[in-house]
Structures are given as C-alpha cells and as structure tokens.
Protein backbone atom coordinates (compact mmCIF):
# COMPACT_ATOMS: atom_id res chain seq x y z
CA MET A 1 -5.04 10.66 -0.74
CA LYS A 2 -8.73 10.07 -1.40
CA ILE A 3 -9.98 7.59 -3.95
CA THR A 4 -13.38 7.25 -5.62
CA VAL A 5 -14.18 4.01 -7.45
CA LYS A 6 -17.15 2.90 -9.52
CA ASN A 7 -17.78 -0.41 -11.31
CA PHE A 8 -14.45 -1.97 -10.42
CA GLY A 9 -14.82 -5.73 -10.02
CA PRO A 10 -17.36 -6.43 -7.26
CA ILE A 11 -17.33 -2.78 -6.14
CA ARG A 12 -20.32 -0.79 -7.34
CA GLU A 13 -19.24 2.42 -5.64
CA ALA A 14 -16.68 3.60 -3.12
CA LYS A 15 -16.67 7.36 -2.69
CA ASN A 16 -13.87 9.43 -1.11
CA VAL A 17 -12.08 6.56 0.60
CA GLU A 18 -9.26 8.30 2.44
CA VAL A 19 -5.97 6.45 2.68
CA GLY A 20 -4.26 7.80 5.77
CA PRO A 21 -2.07 6.70 8.67
CA MET A 22 -4.43 3.82 9.50
CA THR A 23 -7.09 2.59 7.08
CA ILE A 24 -9.35 -0.34 7.95
CA PHE A 25 -11.50 -2.29 5.50
CA VAL A 26 -14.13 -4.47 7.15
CA GLY A 27 -16.98 -6.54 5.77
CA PRO A 28 -18.07 -10.03 4.71
CA SER A 29 -15.96 -12.17 2.40
CA ASN A 30 -16.13 -11.61 -1.36
CA THR A 31 -17.21 -7.98 -1.05
CA GLY A 32 -14.11 -6.45 -2.66
CA LYS A 33 -11.85 -5.52 0.27
CA SER A 34 -8.81 -7.10 -1.39
CA TYR A 35 -9.79 -5.59 -4.75
CA LEU A 36 -9.73 -2.07 -3.34
CA ALA A 37 -6.55 -2.76 -1.33
CA MET A 38 -4.78 -4.02 -4.46
CA LEU A 39 -6.10 -1.05 -6.43
CA ILE A 40 -4.61 1.34 -3.86
CA TYR A 41 -1.35 -0.60 -3.97
CA SER A 42 -1.19 -0.22 -7.77
CA ILE A 43 -1.78 3.53 -7.56
CA HIS A 44 0.84 4.00 -4.86
CA GLU A 45 3.36 1.96 -6.85
CA VAL A 46 3.01 4.40 -9.76
CA LEU A 47 2.85 7.71 -7.88
CA ALA A 48 5.66 6.84 -5.47
CA ASP A 49 8.06 5.78 -8.22
CA ASP A 50 10.58 8.58 -8.77
CA PHE A 51 11.94 6.82 -11.84
CA PHE A 52 8.54 7.11 -13.46
CA HIS A 53 8.63 10.90 -13.14
CA TRP A 54 12.15 11.25 -14.45
CA GLY A 55 11.17 9.06 -17.37
CA LEU A 56 8.33 11.37 -18.36
CA ASN A 57 10.70 13.26 -20.65
CA HIS A 58 10.01 10.61 -23.30
CA THR A 59 6.27 11.22 -22.93
CA PHE A 60 6.64 14.97 -23.36
CA ARG A 61 8.95 14.47 -26.32
CA ASN A 62 6.31 12.33 -27.98
CA SER A 63 3.75 15.07 -27.42
CA GLY A 64 5.93 17.41 -29.49
CA GLU A 65 7.60 19.29 -26.66
CA GLY A 66 10.20 18.51 -24.03
CA TYR A 67 11.23 20.00 -20.71
CA ASP A 68 13.26 22.76 -22.32
CA GLU A 69 10.43 23.82 -24.65
CA TRP A 70 7.94 23.86 -21.79
CA LEU A 71 10.18 25.93 -19.52
CA ASP A 72 11.19 28.37 -22.25
CA LYS A 73 7.52 28.94 -22.99
CA LEU A 74 6.75 29.42 -19.30
CA ARG A 75 9.63 31.85 -18.88
CA ARG A 76 8.14 34.13 -21.53
CA SER A 77 4.55 33.73 -20.33
CA THR A 78 2.28 36.11 -18.52
CA LEU A 79 0.76 34.86 -15.28
CA GLN A 80 -2.46 33.79 -16.99
CA SER A 81 -0.80 32.07 -19.92
CA MET A 82 1.62 30.38 -17.50
CA ASN A 83 -1.35 28.95 -15.62
CA ASP A 84 -2.80 27.69 -18.90
CA GLU A 85 0.50 25.98 -19.73
CA ILE A 86 0.67 24.40 -16.28
CA LYS A 87 -2.84 23.01 -16.76
CA LYS A 88 -1.75 21.61 -20.11
CA ILE A 89 1.27 19.95 -18.50
CA TYR A 90 -0.98 18.59 -15.76
CA HIS A 91 -3.16 16.84 -18.33
CA GLU A 92 -0.06 15.39 -20.01
CA TRP A 93 1.08 14.15 -16.62
CA ALA A 94 -2.37 12.71 -15.81
CA ARG A 95 -2.40 10.90 -19.15
CA ALA A 96 1.04 9.41 -18.49
CA VAL A 97 0.01 8.35 -14.97
CA SER A 98 -3.15 6.74 -16.36
CA VAL A 99 -1.20 4.75 -18.96
CA SER A 100 1.31 3.51 -16.36
CA TRP A 101 -1.45 2.72 -13.86
CA LYS A 102 -3.44 0.61 -16.33
CA LYS A 103 -0.31 -1.43 -17.00
CA LYS A 104 0.19 -1.78 -13.26
CA ILE A 105 -3.41 -2.99 -12.82
CA VAL A 106 -2.80 -5.77 -15.33
CA TYR A 107 0.44 -6.59 -13.50
CA CYS A 108 -1.16 -6.62 -10.04
CA PHE A 109 -4.34 -8.51 -10.95
CA GLY A 110 -2.98 -10.71 -13.73
CA GLU A 111 -5.40 -11.63 -16.50
CA GLU A 112 -8.28 -10.41 -14.33
CA GLY A 113 -6.79 -6.92 -14.55
CA LYS A 114 -7.53 -6.68 -18.27
CA LYS A 115 -11.20 -7.43 -17.62
CA LEU A 116 -11.38 -4.89 -14.80
CA ILE A 117 -10.42 -1.95 -17.00
CA GLU A 118 -12.26 -2.97 -20.16
CA GLU A 119 -14.97 -0.56 -21.25
CA LYS A 120 -18.43 -2.11 -21.00
CA ASN A 121 -21.02 0.55 -21.76
CA SER A 122 -21.76 4.13 -20.84
CA THR A 123 -23.62 3.20 -17.66
CA GLU A 124 -21.17 0.56 -16.40
CA ARG A 125 -17.85 2.21 -17.29
CA PHE A 126 -15.30 1.86 -14.53
CA VAL A 127 -14.17 5.05 -12.81
CA VAL A 128 -11.10 5.56 -10.63
CA LYS A 129 -10.42 9.10 -9.40
CA LEU A 130 -7.84 10.46 -6.98
CA SER A 131 -8.41 13.69 -5.11
CA CYS A 132 -6.33 15.71 -2.68
CA LYS A 133 -7.25 15.96 0.96
CA LYS A 134 -7.04 19.76 1.12
CA ASP A 135 -7.49 20.99 -2.44
CA GLN A 136 -10.06 20.20 -5.10
CA ASN A 137 -7.70 19.08 -7.86
CA PHE A 138 -8.03 15.46 -8.88
CA VAL A 139 -6.72 13.03 -11.45
CA ASP A 140 -9.07 10.69 -13.28
CA LEU A 141 -7.12 7.51 -13.96
CA SER A 142 -9.95 6.02 -16.00
CA ASN A 143 -10.33 9.13 -18.19
CA PRO A 144 -7.38 11.52 -17.67
CA GLU A 145 -8.97 14.23 -19.83
CA ASN A 146 -11.40 14.85 -16.96
CA SER A 147 -8.57 15.66 -14.53
CA THR A 148 -8.55 19.13 -13.01
CA ILE A 149 -6.05 21.30 -11.17
CA THR A 150 -6.91 24.21 -8.90
CA SER A 151 -5.87 27.80 -9.57
CA LYS A 152 -4.23 27.81 -6.14
CA MET A 153 -1.85 25.04 -7.15
CA CYS A 154 -1.13 26.78 -10.47
CA ARG A 155 -0.16 29.94 -8.58
CA GLU A 156 2.12 28.00 -6.23
CA ILE A 157 3.87 26.29 -9.15
CA SER A 158 4.15 29.60 -11.05
CA SER A 159 5.89 31.20 -8.07
CA ALA A 160 8.30 28.27 -7.79
CA ILE A 161 9.08 28.43 -11.51
CA ARG A 162 9.91 32.14 -11.33
CA ILE A 163 12.31 31.39 -8.47
CA TYR A 164 14.09 28.51 -10.22
CA LEU A 165 14.21 29.75 -13.81
CA PRO A 166 16.95 32.38 -13.20
CA GLN A 167 19.31 29.43 -12.69
CA LEU A 168 19.11 28.89 -16.43
CA GLU A 169 20.42 32.39 -17.20
CA GLN A 170 23.99 31.48 -16.23
CA PHE A 171 24.18 29.21 -19.26
CA GLU A 172 22.88 31.73 -21.80
CA GLY A 173 26.24 33.37 -22.50
CA TYR A 174 28.26 30.21 -22.87
CA GLU A 175 29.22 28.82 -26.23
CA SER A 176 27.39 25.74 -27.33
CA GLY A 177 29.14 22.44 -26.75
CA PRO A 178 28.46 18.88 -25.63
CA ILE A 179 29.18 19.55 -21.95
CA ARG A 180 27.25 22.80 -21.86
CA ASP A 181 24.29 21.24 -23.71
CA ALA A 182 24.23 18.26 -21.35
CA MET A 183 24.36 20.48 -18.25
CA TYR A 184 21.69 22.73 -19.73
CA ALA A 185 19.40 19.79 -20.52
CA ASN A 186 19.89 18.26 -17.06
CA LEU A 187 19.14 21.58 -15.38
CA TYR A 188 15.96 21.99 -17.41
CA GLN A 189 14.89 18.49 -16.43
CA GLU A 190 15.73 19.03 -12.76
CA ILE A 191 13.83 22.33 -12.56
CA PHE A 192 10.86 20.82 -14.38
CA HIS A 193 10.87 17.85 -12.02
CA GLN A 194 11.17 19.88 -8.82
CA THR A 195 8.78 22.70 -9.63
CA ILE A 196 6.04 20.92 -11.59
CA LEU A 197 6.03 17.12 -11.45
CA MET A 198 6.87 16.78 -7.75
CA PRO A 199 4.00 19.10 -6.65
CA PHE A 200 1.60 17.02 -8.75
CA GLN A 201 2.89 13.86 -7.13
CA GLU A 202 3.00 15.18 -3.58
CA SER A 203 -0.52 16.60 -3.76
CA PHE A 204 -1.82 13.02 -3.92
CA LEU A 205 0.82 11.45 -1.66
CA PRO A 206 1.09 14.12 1.05
CA TRP A 207 3.20 11.82 3.24
CA LYS A 208 5.91 11.45 0.59
CA SER A 209 9.22 13.00 1.54
CA PRO A 210 10.90 14.93 -1.30
CA GLU A 211 14.31 13.84 0.00
CA VAL A 212 13.86 10.08 -0.13
CA PRO A 213 11.71 7.53 -2.01
CA VAL A 214 8.74 5.84 -0.36
CA ASP A 215 7.64 2.31 -1.05
CA SER A 216 4.59 0.06 -0.63
CA PHE A 217 4.39 -3.52 0.62
CA TYR A 218 1.46 -5.90 0.32
CA LEU A 219 1.13 -8.97 2.56
CA PRO A 220 -1.60 -11.19 1.06
CA ALA A 221 -3.97 -13.32 3.09
CA ILE A 222 -2.21 -16.50 1.90
CA ARG A 223 1.19 -15.35 3.17
CA GLY A 224 1.34 -18.18 5.73
CA GLY A 225 1.01 -20.83 3.06
CA ILE A 226 3.60 -19.09 0.90
CA MET A 227 6.03 -18.87 3.82
CA GLN A 228 5.71 -22.61 4.37
CA SER A 229 5.89 -23.63 0.72
CA HIS A 230 7.97 -20.96 -1.04
CA ARG A 231 11.08 -23.15 -1.13
CA ALA A 232 9.17 -25.83 -2.99
CA LEU A 233 7.64 -23.24 -5.36
CA VAL A 234 10.98 -21.66 -6.17
CA SER A 235 12.60 -25.10 -6.58
CA ILE A 236 9.97 -26.01 -9.18
CA LEU A 237 10.53 -22.74 -11.04
CA ILE A 238 14.32 -23.23 -11.02
CA GLU A 239 13.96 -26.83 -12.16
CA GLN A 240 11.71 -25.79 -15.03
CA ALA A 241 14.13 -23.04 -16.05
CA SER A 242 17.06 -25.46 -16.06
CA VAL A 243 15.38 -27.78 -18.60
CA ALA A 244 13.84 -25.10 -20.77
CA GLY A 245 14.03 -26.17 -24.43
CA LEU A 246 14.83 -29.78 -23.52
CA THR A 247 11.41 -30.94 -22.32
CA ASP A 248 7.84 -29.82 -22.57
CA ARG A 249 7.14 -27.37 -19.78
CA LEU A 250 4.66 -28.30 -17.12
CA PRO A 251 1.67 -25.92 -16.93
CA ILE A 252 2.56 -23.75 -13.92
CA PRO A 253 -0.06 -21.13 -12.97
CA LEU A 254 1.21 -17.57 -13.10
CA PHE A 255 1.29 -15.44 -9.97
CA ASN A 256 -0.33 -12.04 -10.05
CA GLY A 257 1.94 -9.06 -9.43
CA VAL A 258 1.03 -8.68 -5.75
CA LEU A 259 2.06 -12.25 -4.99
CA SER A 260 5.15 -11.89 -7.19
CA ASP A 261 6.22 -8.77 -5.31
CA PHE A 262 5.66 -10.51 -1.99
CA MET A 263 7.70 -13.58 -2.97
CA MET A 264 10.47 -11.46 -4.49
CA SER A 265 10.66 -9.43 -1.30
CA LEU A 266 10.96 -12.64 0.74
CA ILE A 267 13.79 -13.91 -1.44
CA LYS A 268 15.63 -10.57 -1.24
CA ILE A 269 15.47 -10.20 2.55
CA GLY A 270 19.00 -9.87 3.87
CA SER A 271 20.57 -10.49 0.45
CA LYS A 272 23.69 -8.77 -0.84
CA ASP A 273 21.99 -7.28 -3.91
CA LEU A 274 19.06 -5.77 -2.01
CA GLU A 275 20.73 -2.36 -1.98
CA THR A 276 20.91 -2.32 -5.79
CA TRP A 277 17.74 -4.10 -6.84
CA GLY A 278 15.37 -3.25 -4.02
CA PRO A 279 12.94 -5.59 -2.28
CA LYS A 280 10.84 -6.39 -5.35
CA GLY A 281 13.69 -7.19 -7.70
CA ARG A 282 13.39 -3.95 -9.65
CA ASN A 283 16.31 -1.60 -10.11
CA ARG A 284 15.85 0.75 -7.17
CA THR A 285 19.00 2.74 -6.59
CA GLY A 286 17.10 4.69 -3.98
CA GLU A 287 16.91 1.71 -1.64
CA SER A 288 20.26 2.36 0.03
CA LYS A 289 19.33 6.04 0.29
CA ARG A 290 16.12 5.07 2.09
CA ARG A 291 17.94 2.96 4.64
CA VAL A 292 20.55 5.65 5.31
CA PHE A 293 17.98 8.45 5.54
CA TYR A 294 15.87 6.48 8.03
CA SER A 295 18.78 4.88 9.88
CA HIS A 296 17.77 6.68 13.09
CA GLU A 297 14.28 5.12 12.76
CA GLN A 298 15.51 1.54 12.34
CA GLY A 299 15.81 1.10 16.09
CA THR A 300 12.07 1.75 16.41
CA MET A 301 11.25 -0.74 13.67
CA GLU A 302 13.51 -3.38 15.18
CA GLU A 303 11.92 -2.80 18.59
CA ILE A 304 8.41 -3.26 17.14
CA SER A 305 9.53 -6.41 15.31
CA GLY A 306 11.26 -7.70 18.45
CA ASN A 307 8.18 -7.12 20.59
CA LEU A 308 6.04 -8.98 18.04
CA GLU A 309 8.33 -12.00 18.12
CA ARG A 310 8.72 -11.96 21.89
CA ASP A 311 5.09 -11.35 22.87
CA ILE A 312 3.14 -13.16 20.12
CA ILE A 313 5.45 -15.63 18.39
CA ALA A 314 7.34 -16.47 21.60
CA GLY A 315 10.54 -17.00 19.62
CA GLN A 316 12.69 -15.52 16.89
CA ILE A 317 12.48 -15.62 13.11
CA GLU A 318 15.97 -15.92 11.62
CA ILE A 319 17.30 -16.17 8.09
CA LYS A 320 20.04 -18.50 6.91
CA ARG A 321 21.31 -18.12 3.39
CA SER A 322 22.70 -20.85 1.18
CA GLU A 323 25.77 -20.36 -1.00
CA ALA A 324 23.35 -19.42 -3.77
CA GLN A 325 21.98 -16.72 -1.42
CA TYR A 326 18.58 -18.39 -1.17
CA PRO A 327 16.95 -17.69 2.23
CA ASP A 328 15.98 -20.40 4.67
CA PHE A 329 13.59 -19.05 7.31
CA ARG A 330 13.98 -20.61 10.74
CA TYR A 331 11.87 -20.46 13.89
CA LYS A 332 13.88 -20.54 17.10
CA PHE A 333 12.32 -20.80 20.55
CA THR A 334 13.04 -22.08 24.02
CA LYS A 335 10.79 -24.57 25.80
CA GLU A 336 11.48 -26.06 29.22
CA GLY A 337 15.05 -24.84 29.05
CA LYS A 338 15.75 -26.45 25.66
CA MET A 339 16.47 -24.47 22.49
CA TYR A 340 14.63 -25.53 19.33
CA ASP A 341 15.56 -24.54 15.78
CA LEU A 342 12.87 -25.47 13.24
CA PRO A 343 12.36 -24.73 9.56
CA LEU A 344 9.39 -22.41 9.22
CA MET A 345 7.40 -25.08 7.36
CA SER A 346 7.43 -27.09 10.60
CA ALA A 347 6.15 -24.20 12.71
CA SER A 348 2.52 -23.52 13.64
CA SER A 349 0.22 -21.65 11.25
CA SER A 350 0.18 -18.62 13.53
CA VAL A 351 3.99 -18.35 13.39
CA SER A 352 3.92 -18.65 9.58
CA GLU A 353 1.30 -15.88 9.39
CA LEU A 354 3.21 -13.49 11.65
CA ALA A 355 6.73 -14.21 10.40
CA PRO A 356 6.46 -12.07 7.22
CA ILE A 357 4.96 -9.19 9.20
CA SER A 358 7.94 -9.24 11.54
CA LEU A 359 10.49 -9.67 8.73
CA PHE A 360 9.06 -6.85 6.62
CA ILE A 361 8.99 -4.49 9.60
CA ARG A 362 12.58 -5.34 10.48
CA HIS A 363 14.09 -5.28 6.98
CA TYR A 364 11.91 -3.09 4.76
CA ILE A 365 9.37 -0.80 6.36
CA CYS A 366 10.33 2.87 6.77
CA PRO A 367 8.29 5.90 7.85
CA ASN A 368 5.93 7.17 5.13
CA ASP A 369 5.74 3.75 3.46
CA LEU A 370 2.39 2.10 2.75
CA PHE A 371 2.07 -1.27 4.51
CA ILE A 372 -0.96 -3.34 3.48
CA VAL A 373 -1.79 -6.42 5.54
CA GLU A 374 -4.70 -8.67 4.69
CA GLU A 375 -6.42 -10.33 7.63
CA PRO A 376 -3.75 -9.82 10.32
CA GLU A 377 -5.96 -11.89 12.64
CA ALA A 378 -5.62 -15.09 10.56
CA HIS A 379 -4.88 -18.18 12.70
CA LEU A 380 -4.44 -16.07 15.83
CA HIS A 381 -5.94 -16.58 19.26
CA PRO A 382 -8.15 -13.61 20.31
CA GLY A 383 -5.44 -12.53 22.74
CA ALA A 384 -2.87 -12.51 19.94
CA GLN A 385 -5.30 -10.52 17.80
CA ARG A 386 -5.20 -7.80 20.44
CA GLU A 387 -1.41 -7.89 20.45
CA ILE A 388 -1.06 -7.67 16.65
CA SER A 389 -3.39 -4.66 16.79
CA ASP A 390 -0.88 -3.05 19.14
CA VAL A 391 1.93 -3.76 16.65
CA LEU A 392 0.01 -2.13 13.78
CA VAL A 393 -0.83 0.98 15.83
CA ARG A 394 2.79 1.33 16.94
CA LEU A 395 3.76 1.33 13.26
CA VAL A 396 1.24 4.10 12.62
CA ASN A 397 2.68 6.14 15.49
CA ALA A 398 6.16 5.60 13.99
CA GLY A 399 5.01 7.27 10.76
CA VAL A 400 4.06 4.23 8.66
CA ASN A 401 0.79 4.24 6.70
CA VAL A 402 -1.01 0.99 7.52
CA LEU A 403 -3.98 -0.47 5.63
CA VAL A 404 -5.63 -3.65 6.90
CA THR A 405 -8.53 -5.80 5.74
CA THR A 406 -10.17 -7.66 8.58
CA HIS A 407 -13.14 -9.74 9.75
CA SER A 408 -12.18 -9.49 13.42
CA ASP A 409 -14.29 -7.55 15.90
CA ASN A 410 -11.44 -8.13 18.40
CA ILE A 411 -9.16 -5.98 16.26
CA LEU A 412 -11.82 -3.28 15.88
CA GLU A 413 -12.48 -3.22 19.62
CA GLN A 414 -8.78 -3.10 20.47
CA ILE A 415 -8.12 -0.24 18.06
CA SER A 416 -11.15 1.52 19.56
CA ASN A 417 -9.50 1.20 22.97
CA PHE A 418 -6.30 2.76 21.61
CA ILE A 419 -8.38 5.74 20.46
CA TYR A 420 -10.09 5.92 23.85
CA ALA A 421 -6.64 5.84 25.50
CA ASP A 422 -5.64 8.89 23.46
CA HIS A 423 -8.28 10.88 25.37
CA VAL A 424 -6.84 9.78 28.73
CA THR A 425 -3.80 11.92 29.44
CA ALA A 426 -2.39 9.74 32.21
CA SER A 427 -2.85 6.46 30.35
CA ASP A 428 0.34 4.49 29.70
CA LYS A 429 -1.37 2.32 27.09
CA THR A 430 -0.70 2.53 23.36
CA LYS A 431 -2.59 5.49 21.92
CA LEU A 432 -4.02 6.28 18.50
CA SER A 433 -5.34 9.68 17.49
CA GLU A 434 -8.90 9.49 16.24
CA ASP A 435 -8.14 11.58 13.15
CA LYS A 436 -5.47 9.08 12.06
CA CYS A 437 -7.89 6.17 11.76
CA LYS A 438 -10.41 5.71 8.93
CA THR A 439 -12.68 2.66 8.83
CA TYR A 440 -14.76 1.59 5.83
CA ARG A 441 -17.51 -1.01 5.67
CA PHE A 442 -18.05 -3.09 2.54
CA LYS A 443 -21.75 -3.82 2.09
CA THR A 444 -23.33 -5.99 -0.61
CA MET A 445 -26.58 -4.71 -2.09
CA ARG A 446 -29.22 -7.45 -2.33
CA SER A 447 -30.64 -6.21 -5.63
CA THR A 448 -27.39 -6.15 -7.61
CA LYS A 449 -25.06 -8.32 -5.51
CA ARG A 450 -22.55 -5.50 -5.91
CA THR A 451 -20.68 -3.74 -3.12
CA THR A 452 -20.89 -0.21 -1.81
CA VAL A 453 -18.27 1.16 0.55
CA GLU A 454 -19.25 3.51 3.35
CA SER A 455 -17.34 5.24 6.11
CA VAL A 456 -17.71 3.99 9.69
CA PRO A 457 -17.04 6.90 12.08
CA PHE A 458 -15.62 6.35 15.52
CA ASN A 459 -18.37 6.52 18.14
CA SER A 460 -17.44 7.93 21.55
CA GLU A 461 -19.76 5.43 23.26
CA THR A 462 -19.37 2.27 21.20
CA GLY A 463 -16.03 2.76 19.41
CA ILE A 464 -15.64 1.29 15.91
CA VAL A 465 -18.72 -0.85 15.37
CA THR A 466 -20.21 -2.18 12.14
CA GLU A 467 -23.75 -3.39 11.51
CA ASP A 468 -22.43 -6.76 10.34
CA HIS A 469 -20.72 -7.54 13.62
CA LEU A 470 -23.64 -6.19 15.67
CA LYS A 471 -26.06 -8.40 13.75
CA VAL A 472 -23.91 -11.50 14.20
CA SER A 473 -23.49 -10.81 17.92
CA SER A 474 -27.22 -10.11 18.30
CA ASP A 475 -28.24 -13.24 16.38
CA LEU A 476 -25.81 -15.37 18.38
CA TYR A 477 -27.07 -13.93 21.68
CA ASN A 478 -30.72 -14.43 20.75
CA GLU A 479 -30.03 -17.99 19.62
CA THR A 480 -28.25 -18.70 22.91
CA ILE A 481 -31.16 -17.29 24.95
CA GLN A 482 -33.68 -19.28 22.92
CA LEU A 483 -31.75 -22.54 23.28
CA THR A 484 -31.09 -22.10 27.01
CA GLU A 485 -34.79 -21.41 27.57
CA GLN A 486 -35.66 -24.54 25.62
CA CYS A 487 -33.13 -26.49 27.68
CA ASP A 488 -34.71 -25.18 30.88
CA ASP A 489 -38.19 -26.11 29.64
CA ALA A 490 -37.02 -29.57 28.67
CA GLY A 491 -35.36 -30.00 32.05
CA ASN A 492 -38.46 -28.89 33.94
CA LYS A 493 -40.65 -31.34 32.01
CA THR A 494 -38.19 -34.12 32.73
CA ASP A 495 -38.19 -33.28 36.41
CA ILE A 496 -41.99 -33.38 36.49
C-alpha cells in the first residue's frame, strides 16, 4: 500500500509512502511522524475490517441498488458495459470507504481529527490518496469521486464474475419462498463480496489473507506510563461510573481512539471474552479464527517474545487476573539466587516500555498484521536498542508488517547491519532483505514550518543514514575537537 498525503496536520506533503514489511519514520520531534503513523492505522482499521465490507449492502441499497440488482445487471452486460458497471461500483465502494475513514480519523485523533479533515480553501485542502504497488488504480479518501480503477482490474473482476454467476442459475427454477429467497440473497451477497469487494480491498492491502482477518495494533510513545498507571486510570473511570447521576462528574480528559484501543487491548489480554470481543473490545468473531488459522505460527511469536524478555528485560512479564477479570501485570526476575515478583508500576521504565511489546507479540500479533511501535528505543540503553531492533526484524521475517517511529541512530545502524548480513551467505546473524525495508525522513521547511516526507534509500556504503543524524554527529565531533584544542592551549599556557 502506498499513501500520498497533503496538508494533513503538520505534514505539507508526503508522496508515495510505501507501507511494507518494515517501514521506518525518522526525523526531529513535532514533524508529524505520529500523525502519519496514526493516519495509516486509521486506514488499515477500515480496509482490514471484513464486517465493514459485508455491511456495504446498506450503502448500495441507499444508492438505489443492491447486490442482486448489480449482479443481475452484470450478468446481462457486454464486456464493455460490465467494465462500466464495475467502475461505478468501485466509486460507490470508494465513497463508502471515505465516509468510514473520516469517522475513524475523528475516533483516532479525537477532537483534533475534526480539524484535520475540515476544508480550508482550494490551495490548502487536505488530500489522502491510496495507490496500489503494482497497478495504477487508487482511491482518494479525501475526494472519492477522483478515485480510479485500471482496465486490467476490471477485466480480472469480469472474468471472476462470469465464473461465479452460474451458481445463481440453480435457484432460477425453484418456487419462491422464504428459504429460497434467503439463500438466493445470501448467495448474491457472497458472490458480490468475493468477486468485487475483496479484490478492491486486497489491491490496497496485498498482504491480507482472504481466509482470515488481519488486524492492526498501535503502541503509543507513552505506553510505559500507561502500563504503570492504567490500574489507577481504570479505577477512576469505574468509580465515576458507579456514582453517575448521584454526584457531579469530575472533568476527566477523553482518550483518543489510539490510546483507547491500546488500553482496551491491555485489559483484554488473556481474558475469557477475548475470543468473542477481540482485543479492542469490538465484536470480532474472527478473532478465534485468526488464532486457529495461525496456531502453527504462535510458537514463533512466543519464541520472539521469550527472547525479548530473556535478553532485554532479564525477567518475565506475567498476568494475574482478579475475580472481576481485571489484569494485574507482574515483573518476575531472579537476582543473586532470589526470586522477585513486583507489580509493573514498581519496575524500571525500560521494563514498562518493553512489557507491552512482549505482551502484544505473545497474545495478539499474527502474520500479516500491522504492528506500529512509536519510539521503541525509549528508556533503553544503546545495547538494548540494538536488541529491540533484532526483535522487530524477526517479526518482519515472521510475516508481520512493522512500522516504527524513531529518533535513534543506533536502531538505524543496527537495521542497516541486518541488511548487510542478508548479502553475506554464510552469516548466522539476523537478516533483513533490502526490499522489505522502507525508510522515510520527516523534514521541516524553514519557510512554512511544515513537514515534507522523503524516502531515504539504503546505501551500500553507509547503510541507512539521514542528514539530521549526520549533522548532529558532525556538530558534536567538531565541538569536541574545538574544545579539546582549547583545553590543550589552556594547558600549554598554564605550563609556561
């Protein structure tokens, strides 16, 4: 999936940002890295939601036609007129996606989301477009009427329709009745979903498996603080709910949707109703299907999580549930032969930062999911930054799509080494294929104070290097040389 953004929050322009197996956003603070990451999360949440596509029947009904009308028309169409109808359906689909996405933006960003998608003027109008990696069709979320679909995709869908439509013929001779009508309607909807809507969806999420749902998970930069204080936060919310209508409510700030999803996922970890409600508290009947389908992959995820806890945390993160099924996260470790069992709020900041990464990998993440981690280097020693880089790359090699925002040149250098290792056949180090990694630099323009996003290609001699880090390193080196020379001069004068 490629995304082009204009005039979205601090971002002036980001063109053809490709979200792939590993995507890295790097740049100074307040340049829009989190904005773009949250934008991608909102898009993935809509496109990956199978329930959204099945619910499109209501949208088509409101447009005057339903699945059965569309398919009957297509069945009687010539090839050219069929392509025209498919294009018409594509624009209906793009419009429905746009409406759902704008709601999701408001959900993810909170009140700020409304401001982000408000029209300003013709020169400053926000633009968000998705394009396919291989084909030229794209969907314009900001103005769905501008969406286009290629003739190649129309031909592929037409061929699929002509294969599936004969299934409808077996119902033509039956007498009308409730059962027959229900089966007929369900078959129409299933064919429409499989032959038309799914190709639209999969063209923008090429990693999505048609057999099982995919999901997205966002770990915000403040996850450590939330891990240490979430019990207090939830206790306040429960206390306020218990006295609703009896006392004046205290003014509690609202969480944006990203933080809400993160906290809901924490509360649901290991719970009995996870299979029914999914990690974010929404009705996701596909959750149990996901875990069964990827059961053979869970050993890999548990191994990655176990290595993280053993090598970086130097202990284990465990969950104890109260009778009310509320989770209590514990940090267990051994020191000088003695076992310690601490509540997570008593653990170091580095443990609190890494605990949700480990828990999400162990309990939620499956191949083809999108896993967004802000600042994985937070509160970590440089050596631990190298090790968390290894964890992220192992996830990529296990089929997970990983997106990180970072300020750490240690992480960039370590990932560069993984790419170098891929060119060394005999190397036993973790490897990362160069074509799986896309790095983007966020640069603020002095004239407008707005951000442009540009690709940073891997360099065979220097690896992944950005001008920002080079400038900081150069300035620091020059300052050191200048000061040491001044120290030498001062020392020589003293000696004289």
